[in-house]
Amino acid sequence: MKLISATFLFLFFCIFLTTTSQNTYCIICSEYFNFPETWGGASQLLKVGCSRLKFAEEACNGIVDNAILTDSYPNMYPHIINLKNLVCKKYCPKDTVTP
């Protein structure tokens, strides 16, 4: 379970890499960005992140495909939102953080 959680966090941050000059994580602070509330939606989003890891895309997709978090994701969701809020508060300018 720890490996799956660590992998999820790694992929969480890989998804949001941008080439803009602002902090790369601030995209998650936009009011237009919503975290999926189900594992099905989250796994699709993680696969988008995997596609950005060109050299490791296949391995990354393999982890997502084999992580069956349908039952535990709802328990993880509040912690994911809390992590998002902490990252936004610490690293993003106030004008990019949603209330």
PDB file of N, CA and C in Angstrom:
ATOM      1  N   MET A   1       0.825  -1.199   0.000  1.00  0.00           N
ATOM      2  CA  MET A   1       0.000   0.000   0.000  1.00  0.00           C
ATOM      3  C   MET A   1       0.868   1.262   0.000  1.00  0.00           C
ATOM      4  N   LYS A   2       2.007   1.202   0.740  1.00  0.00           N
ATOM      5  CA  LYS A   2       2.892   2.365   0.772  1.00  0.00           C
ATOM      6  C   LYS A   2       3.467   2.646  -0.615  1.00  0.00           C
ATOM      7  N   LEU A   3       3.788   1.588  -1.358  1.00  0.00           N
ATOM      8  CA  LEU A   3       4.321   1.769  -2.705  1.00  0.00           C
ATOM      9  C   LEU A   3       3.288   2.416  -3.614  1.00  0.00           C
ATOM     10  N   ILE A   4       2.047   1.979  -3.501  1.00  0.00           N
ATOM     11  CA  ILE A   4       0.984   2.560  -4.321  1.00  0.00           C
ATOM     12  C   ILE A   4       0.783   4.026  -3.959  1.00  0.00           C
ATOM     13  N   SER A   5       0.799   4.340  -2.661  1.00  0.00           N
ATOM     14  CA  SER A   5       0.632   5.733  -2.232  1.00  0.00           C
ATOM     15  C   SER A   5       1.783   6.599  -2.715  1.00  0.00           C
ATOM     16  N   ALA A   6       3.009   6.097  -2.598  1.00  0.00           N
ATOM     17  CA  ALA A   6       4.171   6.859  -3.052  1.00  0.00           C
ATOM     18  C   ALA A   6       4.119   7.067  -4.563  1.00  0.00           C
ATOM     19  N   THR A   7       3.725   6.034  -5.277  1.00  0.00           N
ATOM     20  CA  THR A   7       3.600   6.144  -6.727  1.00  0.00           C
ATOM     21  C   THR A   7       2.530   7.155  -7.101  1.00  0.00           C
ATOM     22  N   PHE A   8       1.412   7.123  -6.391  1.00  0.00           N
ATOM     23  CA  PHE A   8       0.333   8.066  -6.655  1.00  0.00           C
ATOM     24  C   PHE A   8       0.823   9.500  -6.459  1.00  0.00           C
ATOM     25  N   LEU A   9       1.555   9.756  -5.369  1.00  0.00           N
ATOM     26  CA  LEU A   9       2.069  11.108  -5.128  1.00  0.00           C
ATOM     27  C   LEU A   9       3.061  11.523  -6.209  1.00  0.00           C
ATOM     28  N   PHE A  10       3.926  10.602  -6.615  1.00  0.00           N
ATOM     29  CA  PHE A  10       4.878  10.901  -7.676  1.00  0.00           C
ATOM     30  C   PHE A  10       4.148  11.290  -8.957  1.00  0.00           C
ATOM     31  N   LEU A  11       3.168  10.487  -9.324  1.00  0.00           N
ATOM     32  CA  LEU A  11       2.405  10.766 -10.538  1.00  0.00           C
ATOM     33  C   LEU A  11       1.590  12.042 -10.412  1.00  0.00           C
ATOM     34  N   PHE A  12       1.097  12.300  -9.215  1.00  0.00           N
ATOM     35  CA  PHE A  12       0.335  13.512  -8.929  1.00  0.00           C
ATOM     36  C   PHE A  12       1.129  14.742  -9.351  1.00  0.00           C
ATOM     37  N   PHE A  13       2.414  14.776  -9.000  1.00  0.00           N
ATOM     38  CA  PHE A  13       3.228  15.929  -9.334  1.00  0.00           C
ATOM     39  C   PHE A  13       3.716  15.898 -10.780  1.00  0.00           C
ATOM     40  N   CYS A  14       3.928  14.721 -11.336  1.00  0.00           N
ATOM     41  CA  CYS A  14       4.365  14.636 -12.736  1.00  0.00           C
ATOM     42  C   CYS A  14       3.310  15.150 -13.697  1.00  0.00           C
ATOM     43  N   ILE A  15       2.058  14.974 -13.362  1.00  0.00           N
ATOM     44  CA  ILE A  15       0.975  15.396 -14.243  1.00  0.00           C
ATOM     45  C   ILE A  15       1.021  16.894 -14.501  1.00  0.00           C
ATOM     46  N   PHE A  16       1.425  17.654 -13.522  1.00  0.00           N
ATOM     47  CA  PHE A  16       1.242  19.089 -13.580  1.00  0.00           C
ATOM     48  C   PHE A  16       2.481  19.864 -13.994  1.00  0.00           C
ATOM     49  N   LEU A  17       3.474  19.195 -14.554  1.00  0.00           N
ATOM     50  CA  LEU A  17       4.656  19.903 -15.016  1.00  0.00           C
ATOM     51  C   LEU A  17       4.296  20.754 -16.221  1.00  0.00           C
ATOM     52  N   THR A  18       4.677  22.012 -16.167  1.00  0.00           N
ATOM     53  CA  THR A  18       4.420  22.927 -17.276  1.00  0.00           C
ATOM     54  C   THR A  18       5.713  23.620 -17.651  1.00  0.00           C
ATOM     55  N   THR A  19       5.678  24.379 -18.714  1.00  0.00           N
ATOM     56  CA  THR A  19       6.867  25.110 -19.138  1.00  0.00           C
ATOM     57  C   THR A  19       6.732  26.595 -18.852  1.00  0.00           C
ATOM     58  N   THR A  20       5.732  26.977 -18.078  1.00  0.00           N
ATOM     59  CA  THR A  20       5.549  28.386 -17.774  1.00  0.00           C
ATOM     60  C   THR A  20       6.532  28.822 -16.709  1.00  0.00           C
ATOM     61  N   SER A  21       6.661  30.131 -16.541  1.00  0.00           N
ATOM     62  CA  SER A  21       7.597  30.653 -15.561  1.00  0.00           C
ATOM     63  C   SER A  21       7.038  30.605 -14.149  1.00  0.00           C
ATOM     64  N   GLN A  22       5.731  30.443 -14.007  1.00  0.00           N
ATOM     65  CA  GLN A  22       5.166  30.350 -12.664  1.00  0.00           C
ATOM     66  C   GLN A  22       5.486  28.985 -12.082  1.00  0.00           C
ATOM     67  N   ASN A  23       5.295  28.850 -10.776  1.00  0.00           N
ATOM     68  CA  ASN A  23       5.537  27.579 -10.127  1.00  0.00           C
ATOM     69  C   ASN A  23       4.713  26.501 -10.826  1.00  0.00           C
ATOM     70  N   THR A  24       5.331  25.386 -11.131  1.00  0.00           N
ATOM     71  CA  THR A  24       4.688  24.355 -11.946  1.00  0.00           C
ATOM     72  C   THR A  24       3.488  23.713 -11.274  1.00  0.00           C
ATOM     73  N   TYR A  25       3.410  23.747  -9.975  1.00  0.00           N
ATOM     74  CA  TYR A  25       2.303  23.102  -9.274  1.00  0.00           C
ATOM     75  C   TYR A  25       1.064  23.989  -9.198  1.00  0.00           C
ATOM     76  N   CYS A  26       1.177  25.255  -9.525  1.00  0.00           N
ATOM     77  CA  CYS A  26       0.066  26.188  -9.348  1.00  0.00           C
ATOM     78  C   CYS A  26      -1.128  25.885 -10.242  1.00  0.00           C
ATOM     79  N   ILE A  27      -0.937  25.108 -11.273  1.00  0.00           N
ATOM     80  CA  ILE A  27      -2.074  24.769 -12.133  1.00  0.00           C
ATOM     81  C   ILE A  27      -3.154  24.047 -11.334  1.00  0.00           C
ATOM     82  N   ILE A  28      -2.773  23.292 -10.318  1.00  0.00           N
ATOM     83  CA  ILE A  28      -3.773  22.573  -9.526  1.00  0.00           C
ATOM     84  C   ILE A  28      -4.568  23.517  -8.639  1.00  0.00           C
ATOM     85  N   CYS A  29      -4.125  24.753  -8.503  1.00  0.00           N
ATOM     86  CA  CYS A  29      -4.808  25.724  -7.651  1.00  0.00           C
ATOM     87  C   CYS A  29      -5.911  26.470  -8.396  1.00  0.00           C
ATOM     88  N   SER A  30      -5.976  26.290  -9.679  1.00  0.00           N
ATOM     89  CA  SER A  30      -6.984  26.974 -10.480  1.00  0.00           C
ATOM     90  C   SER A  30      -8.381  26.515 -10.093  1.00  0.00           C
ATOM     91  N   GLU A  31      -9.315  27.443 -10.104  1.00  0.00           N
ATOM     92  CA  GLU A  31     -10.703  27.088  -9.805  1.00  0.00           C
ATOM     93  C   GLU A  31     -11.291  26.193 -10.890  1.00  0.00           C
ATOM     94  N   TYR A  32     -10.625  26.120 -12.024  1.00  0.00           N
ATOM     95  CA  TYR A  32     -11.106  25.299 -13.132  1.00  0.00           C
ATOM     96  C   TYR A  32     -10.610  23.860 -13.063  1.00  0.00           C
ATOM     97  N   PHE A  33      -9.698  23.589 -12.127  1.00  0.00           N
ATOM     98  CA  PHE A  33      -9.158  22.239 -11.986  1.00  0.00           C
ATOM     99  C   PHE A  33      -9.841  21.544 -10.817  1.00  0.00           C
ATOM    100  N   ASN A  34     -10.416  20.395 -11.079  1.00  0.00           N
ATOM    101  CA  ASN A  34     -11.045  19.593 -10.031  1.00  0.00           C
ATOM    102  C   ASN A  34     -10.427  18.210 -10.025  1.00  0.00           C
ATOM    103  N   PHE A  35     -10.082  17.738  -8.840  1.00  0.00           N
ATOM    104  CA  PHE A  35      -9.588  16.375  -8.723  1.00  0.00           C
ATOM    105  C   PHE A  35     -10.741  15.400  -8.899  1.00  0.00           C
ATOM    106  N   PRO A  36     -10.506  14.318  -9.607  1.00  0.00           N
ATOM    107  CA  PRO A  36     -11.554  13.309  -9.765  1.00  0.00           C
ATOM    108  C   PRO A  36     -11.945  12.732  -8.407  1.00  0.00           C
ATOM    109  N   GLU A  37     -13.221  12.463  -8.245  1.00  0.00           N
ATOM    110  CA  GLU A  37     -13.709  11.926  -6.979  1.00  0.00           C
ATOM    111  C   GLU A  37     -13.769  10.406  -6.977  1.00  0.00           C
ATOM    112  N   THR A  38     -13.475   9.777  -8.109  1.00  0.00           N
ATOM    113  CA  THR A  38     -13.484   8.319  -8.189  1.00  0.00           C
ATOM    114  C   THR A  38     -12.136   7.830  -8.708  1.00  0.00           C
ATOM    115  N   TRP A  39     -11.832   6.564  -8.420  1.00  0.00           N
ATOM    116  CA  TRP A  39     -10.584   5.995  -8.907  1.00  0.00           C
ATOM    117  C   TRP A  39     -10.578   5.921 -10.431  1.00  0.00           C
ATOM    118  N   GLY A  40     -11.717   5.665 -11.045  1.00  0.00           N
ATOM    119  CA  GLY A  40     -11.772   5.624 -12.504  1.00  0.00           C
ATOM    120  C   GLY A  40     -11.312   6.932 -13.119  1.00  0.00           C
ATOM    121  N   GLY A  41     -11.810   8.044 -12.602  1.00  0.00           N
ATOM    122  CA  GLY A  41     -11.400   9.355 -13.098  1.00  0.00           C
ATOM    123  C   GLY A  41      -9.954   9.660 -12.776  1.00  0.00           C
ATOM    124  N   ALA A  42      -9.531   9.292 -11.564  1.00  0.00           N
ATOM    125  CA  ALA A  42      -8.149   9.550 -11.158  1.00  0.00           C
ATOM    126  C   ALA A  42      -7.172   8.745 -12.007  1.00  0.00           C
ATOM    127  N   SER A  43      -7.518   7.496 -12.296  1.00  0.00           N
ATOM    128  CA  SER A  43      -6.605   6.673 -13.092  1.00  0.00           C
ATOM    129  C   SER A  43      -6.471   7.231 -14.509  1.00  0.00           C
ATOM    130  N   GLN A  44      -7.546   7.769 -15.061  1.00  0.00           N
ATOM    131  CA  GLN A  44      -7.459   8.395 -16.386  1.00  0.00           C
ATOM    132  C   GLN A  44      -6.544   9.612 -16.345  1.00  0.00           C
ATOM    133  N   LEU A  45      -6.664  10.417 -15.301  1.00  0.00           N
ATOM    134  CA  LEU A  45      -5.811  11.595 -15.161  1.00  0.00           C
ATOM    135  C   LEU A  45      -4.352  11.189 -14.963  1.00  0.00           C
ATOM    136  N   LEU A  46      -4.127  10.145 -14.176  1.00  0.00           N
ATOM    137  CA  LEU A  46      -2.764   9.665 -13.969  1.00  0.00           C
ATOM    138  C   LEU A  46      -2.154   9.148 -15.267  1.00  0.00           C
ATOM    139  N   LYS A  47      -2.965   8.548 -16.115  1.00  0.00           N
ATOM    140  CA  LYS A  47      -2.452   8.066 -17.398  1.00  0.00           C
ATOM    141  C   LYS A  47      -2.033   9.231 -18.297  1.00  0.00           C
ATOM    142  N   VAL A  48      -2.702  10.357 -18.160  1.00  0.00           N
ATOM    143  CA  VAL A  48      -2.255  11.554 -18.884  1.00  0.00           C
ATOM    144  C   VAL A  48      -0.863  11.931 -18.391  1.00  0.00           C
ATOM    145  N   GLY A  49      -0.675  11.880 -17.074  1.00  0.00           N
ATOM    146  CA  GLY A  49       0.646  12.149 -16.504  1.00  0.00           C
ATOM    147  C   GLY A  49       1.679  11.141 -16.982  1.00  0.00           C
ATOM    148  N   CYS A  50       1.289   9.886 -17.061  1.00  0.00           N
ATOM    149  CA  CYS A  50       2.204   8.845 -17.550  1.00  0.00           C
ATOM    150  C   CYS A  50       2.662   9.145 -18.973  1.00  0.00           C
ATOM    151  N   SER A  51       1.773   9.683 -19.778  1.00  0.00           N
ATOM    152  CA  SER A  51       2.130   9.963 -21.174  1.00  0.00           C
ATOM    153  C   SER A  51       3.206  11.040 -21.280  1.00  0.00           C
ATOM    154  N   ARG A  52       3.375  11.819 -20.223  1.00  0.00           N
ATOM    155  CA  ARG A  52       4.421  12.848 -20.223  1.00  0.00           C
ATOM    156  C   ARG A  52       5.777  12.281 -19.815  1.00  0.00           C
ATOM    157  N   LEU A  53       5.778  11.074 -19.293  1.00  0.00           N
ATOM    158  CA  LEU A  53       7.025  10.418 -18.896  1.00  0.00           C
ATOM    159  C   LEU A  53       7.473   9.498 -20.027  1.00  0.00           C
ATOM    160  N   LYS A  54       7.773  10.082 -21.160  1.00  0.00           N
ATOM    161  CA  LYS A  54       8.022   9.332 -22.396  1.00  0.00           C
ATOM    162  C   LYS A  54       8.861   8.071 -22.174  1.00  0.00           C
ATOM    163  N   PHE A  55       9.984   8.201 -21.481  1.00  0.00           N
ATOM    164  CA  PHE A  55      10.892   7.075 -21.303  1.00  0.00           C
ATOM    165  C   PHE A  55      10.343   6.021 -20.351  1.00  0.00           C
ATOM    166  N   ALA A  56       9.375   6.381 -19.531  1.00  0.00           N
ATOM    167  CA  ALA A  56       8.834   5.454 -18.535  1.00  0.00           C
ATOM    168  C   ALA A  56       7.322   5.303 -18.651  1.00  0.00           C
ATOM    169  N   GLU A  57       6.772   5.691 -19.786  1.00  0.00           N
ATOM    170  CA  GLU A  57       5.312   5.681 -19.945  1.00  0.00           C
ATOM    171  C   GLU A  57       4.723   4.286 -19.751  1.00  0.00           C
ATOM    172  N   GLU A  58       5.347   3.287 -20.329  1.00  0.00           N
ATOM    173  CA  GLU A  58       4.807   1.929 -20.229  1.00  0.00           C
ATOM    174  C   GLU A  58       4.813   1.437 -18.783  1.00  0.00           C
ATOM    175  N   ALA A  59       5.904   1.662 -18.077  1.00  0.00           N
ATOM    176  CA  ALA A  59       5.987   1.243 -16.674  1.00  0.00           C
ATOM    177  C   ALA A  59       4.975   2.001 -15.826  1.00  0.00           C
ATOM    178  N   CYS A  60       4.849   3.278 -16.078  1.00  0.00           N
ATOM    179  CA  CYS A  60       3.904   4.117 -15.340  1.00  0.00           C
ATOM    180  C   CYS A  60       2.469   3.637 -15.568  1.00  0.00           C
ATOM    181  N   ASN A  61       2.115   3.394 -16.820  1.00  0.00           N
ATOM    182  CA  ASN A  61       0.775   2.887 -17.130  1.00  0.00           C
ATOM    183  C   ASN A  61       0.532   1.533 -16.485  1.00  0.00           C
ATOM    184  N   GLY A  62       1.568   0.706 -16.419  1.00  0.00           N
ATOM    185  CA  GLY A  62       1.441  -0.592 -15.774  1.00  0.00           C
ATOM    186  C   GLY A  62       1.089  -0.467 -14.305  1.00  0.00           C
ATOM    187  N   ILE A  63       1.692   0.503 -13.635  1.00  0.00           N
ATOM    188  CA  ILE A  63       1.383   0.734 -12.220  1.00  0.00           C
ATOM    189  C   ILE A  63      -0.060   1.190 -12.070  1.00  0.00           C
ATOM    190  N   VAL A  64      -0.466   2.151 -12.886  1.00  0.00           N
ATOM    191  CA  VAL A  64      -1.839   2.664 -12.795  1.00  0.00           C
ATOM    192  C   VAL A  64      -2.847   1.566 -13.120  1.00  0.00           C
ATOM    193  N   ASP A  65      -2.570   0.785 -14.160  1.00  0.00           N
ATOM    194  CA  ASP A  65      -3.497  -0.277 -14.558  1.00  0.00           C
ATOM    195  C   ASP A  65      -3.655  -1.348 -13.483  1.00  0.00           C
ATOM    196  N   ASN A  66      -2.605  -1.586 -12.721  1.00  0.00           N
ATOM    197  CA  ASN A  66      -2.641  -2.647 -11.721  1.00  0.00           C
ATOM    198  C   ASN A  66      -2.946  -2.160 -10.318  1.00  0.00           C
ATOM    199  N   ALA A  67      -3.058  -0.872 -10.136  1.00  0.00           N
ATOM    200  CA  ALA A  67      -3.447  -0.321  -8.836  1.00  0.00           C
ATOM    201  C   ALA A  67      -4.968  -0.278  -8.799  1.00  0.00           C
ATOM    202  N   ILE A  68      -5.540  -1.149  -8.037  1.00  0.00           N
ATOM    203  CA  ILE A  68      -7.001  -1.208  -7.950  1.00  0.00           C
ATOM    204  C   ILE A  68      -7.404  -0.496  -6.659  1.00  0.00           C
ATOM    205  N   LEU A  69      -7.653   0.782  -6.778  1.00  0.00           N
ATOM    206  CA  LEU A  69      -7.939   1.611  -5.609  1.00  0.00           C
ATOM    207  C   LEU A  69      -9.400   2.032  -5.555  1.00  0.00           C
ATOM    208  N   THR A  70     -10.253   1.291  -6.215  1.00  0.00           N
ATOM    209  CA  THR A  70     -11.670   1.645  -6.265  1.00  0.00           C
ATOM    210  C   THR A  70     -12.255   1.802  -4.872  1.00  0.00           C
ATOM    211  N   ASP A  71     -11.904   0.904  -3.956  1.00  0.00           N
ATOM    212  CA  ASP A  71     -12.449   0.963  -2.600  1.00  0.00           C
ATOM    213  C   ASP A  71     -11.727   1.967  -1.712  1.00  0.00           C
ATOM    214  N   SER A  72     -10.409   2.110  -1.869  1.00  0.00           N
ATOM    215  CA  SER A  72      -9.658   2.979  -0.964  1.00  0.00           C
ATOM    216  C   SER A  72      -9.568   4.430  -1.432  1.00  0.00           C
ATOM    217  N   TYR A  73      -9.783   4.691  -2.717  1.00  0.00           N
ATOM    218  CA  TYR A  73      -9.661   6.060  -3.220  1.00  0.00           C
ATOM    219  C   TYR A  73     -10.596   7.035  -2.508  1.00  0.00           C
ATOM    220  N   PRO A  74     -11.858   6.665  -2.238  1.00  0.00           N
ATOM    221  CA  PRO A  74     -12.718   7.606  -1.505  1.00  0.00           C
ATOM    222  C   PRO A  74     -12.143   7.993  -0.139  1.00  0.00           C
ATOM    223  N   ASN A  75     -11.407   7.082   0.498  1.00  0.00           N
ATOM    224  CA  ASN A  75     -10.763   7.409   1.772  1.00  0.00           C
ATOM    225  C   ASN A  75      -9.548   8.301   1.566  1.00  0.00           C
ATOM    226  N   MET A  76      -8.883   8.161   0.421  1.00  0.00           N
ATOM    227  CA  MET A  76      -7.715   8.975   0.109  1.00  0.00           C
ATOM    228  C   MET A  76      -8.099  10.377  -0.348  1.00  0.00           C
ATOM    229  N   TYR A  77      -9.269  10.519  -0.938  1.00  0.00           N
ATOM    230  CA  TYR A  77      -9.681  11.777  -1.568  1.00  0.00           C
ATOM    231  C   TYR A  77      -9.562  12.991  -0.646  1.00  0.00           C
ATOM    232  N   PRO A  78     -10.057  12.945   0.599  1.00  0.00           N
ATOM    233  CA  PRO A  78      -9.912  14.132   1.455  1.00  0.00           C
ATOM    234  C   PRO A  78      -8.449  14.503   1.696  1.00  0.00           C
ATOM    235  N   HIS A  79      -7.572  13.504   1.745  1.00  0.00           N
ATOM    236  CA  HIS A  79      -6.148  13.774   1.957  1.00  0.00           C
ATOM    237  C   HIS A  79      -5.509  14.368   0.703  1.00  0.00           C
ATOM    238  N   ILE A  80      -5.980  13.951  -0.453  1.00  0.00           N
ATOM    239  CA  ILE A  80      -5.498  14.521  -1.714  1.00  0.00           C
ATOM    240  C   ILE A  80      -5.872  16.000  -1.783  1.00  0.00           C
ATOM    241  N   ILE A  81      -7.101  16.315  -1.410  1.00  0.00           N
ATOM    242  CA  ILE A  81      -7.552  17.711  -1.408  1.00  0.00           C
ATOM    243  C   ILE A  81      -6.769  18.518  -0.380  1.00  0.00           C
ATOM    244  N   ASN A  82      -6.520  17.944   0.782  1.00  0.00           N
ATOM    245  CA  ASN A  82      -5.729  18.623   1.806  1.00  0.00           C
ATOM    246  C   ASN A  82      -4.315  18.886   1.291  1.00  0.00           C
ATOM    247  N   LEU A  83      -3.702  17.894   0.633  1.00  0.00           N
ATOM    248  CA  LEU A  83      -2.372  18.073   0.058  1.00  0.00           C
ATOM    249  C   LEU A  83      -2.380  19.190  -0.977  1.00  0.00           C
ATOM    250  N   LYS A  84      -3.385  19.208  -1.827  1.00  0.00           N
ATOM    251  CA  LYS A  84      -3.519  20.265  -2.833  1.00  0.00           C
ATOM    252  C   LYS A  84      -3.571  21.635  -2.165  1.00  0.00           C
ATOM    253  N   ASN A  85      -4.393  21.766  -1.131  1.00  0.00           N
ATOM    254  CA  ASN A  85      -4.525  23.051  -0.443  1.00  0.00           C
ATOM    255  C   ASN A  85      -3.222  23.478   0.212  1.00  0.00           C
ATOM    256  N   LEU A  86      -2.487  22.534   0.789  1.00  0.00           N
ATOM    257  CA  LEU A  86      -1.201  22.855   1.410  1.00  0.00           C
ATOM    258  C   LEU A  86      -0.176  23.297   0.370  1.00  0.00           C
ATOM    259  N   VAL A  87      -0.125  22.600  -0.766  1.00  0.00           N
ATOM    260  CA  VAL A  87       0.808  22.960  -1.840  1.00  0.00           C
ATOM    261  C   VAL A  87       0.480  24.349  -2.374  1.00  0.00           C
ATOM    262  N   CYS A  88      -0.802  24.609  -2.595  1.00  0.00           N
ATOM    263  CA  CYS A  88      -1.215  25.915  -3.122  1.00  0.00           C
ATOM    264  C   CYS A  88      -0.867  27.040  -2.151  1.00  0.00           C
ATOM    265  N   LYS A  89      -1.127  26.808  -0.887  1.00  0.00           N
ATOM    266  CA  LYS A  89      -0.864  27.839   0.121  1.00  0.00           C
ATOM    267  C   LYS A  89       0.628  28.138   0.230  1.00  0.00           C
ATOM    268  N   LYS A  90       1.457  27.105   0.163  1.00  0.00           N
ATOM    269  CA  LYS A  90       2.892  27.288   0.361  1.00  0.00           C
ATOM    270  C   LYS A  90       3.617  27.795  -0.884  1.00  0.00           C
ATOM    271  N   TYR A  91       3.270  27.289  -2.061  1.00  0.00           N
ATOM    272  CA  TYR A  91       4.083  27.545  -3.240  1.00  0.00           C
ATOM    273  C   TYR A  91       3.488  28.468  -4.287  1.00  0.00           C
ATOM    274  N   CYS A  92       2.217  28.776  -4.198  1.00  0.00           N
ATOM    275  CA  CYS A  92       1.592  29.559  -5.263  1.00  0.00           C
ATOM    276  C   CYS A  92       1.213  30.948  -4.767  1.00  0.00           C
ATOM    277  N   PRO A  93       1.381  31.944  -5.617  1.00  0.00           N
ATOM    278  CA  PRO A  93       0.955  33.294  -5.239  1.00  0.00           C
ATOM    279  C   PRO A  93      -0.532  33.305  -4.921  1.00  0.00           C
ATOM    280  N   LYS A  94      -0.913  34.168  -4.013  1.00  0.00           N
ATOM    281  CA  LYS A  94      -2.309  34.225  -3.575  1.00  0.00           C
ATOM    282  C   LYS A  94      -3.280  34.464  -4.725  1.00  0.00           C
ATOM    283  N   ASP A  95      -2.861  35.204  -5.747  1.00  0.00           N
ATOM    284  CA  ASP A  95      -3.790  35.489  -6.840  1.00  0.00           C
ATOM    285  C   ASP A  95      -4.082  34.266  -7.720  1.00  0.00           C
ATOM    286  N   THR A  96      -3.310  33.175  -7.566  1.00  0.00           N
ATOM    287  CA  THR A  96      -3.592  31.981  -8.362  1.00  0.00           C
ATOM    288  C   THR A  96      -4.293  30.901  -7.556  1.00  0.00           C
ATOM    289  N   VAL A  97      -4.450  31.123  -6.257  1.00  0.00           N
ATOM    290  CA  VAL A  97      -5.057  30.119  -5.391  1.00  0.00           C
ATOM    291  C   VAL A  97      -6.544  30.387  -5.276  1.00  0.00           C
ATOM    292  N   THR A  98      -7.322  29.337  -5.410  1.00  0.00           N
ATOM    293  CA  THR A  98      -8.764  29.498  -5.259  1.00  0.00           C
ATOM    294  C   THR A  98      -9.129  29.418  -3.793  1.00  0.00           C
ATOM    295  N   PRO A  99     -10.188  30.115  -3.396  1.00  0.00           N
ATOM    296  CA  PRO A  99     -10.596  30.092  -1.987  1.00  0.00           C
ATOM    297  C   PRO A  99     -11.098  28.740  -1.557  1.00  0.00           C
TER     298      PRO A  99
END
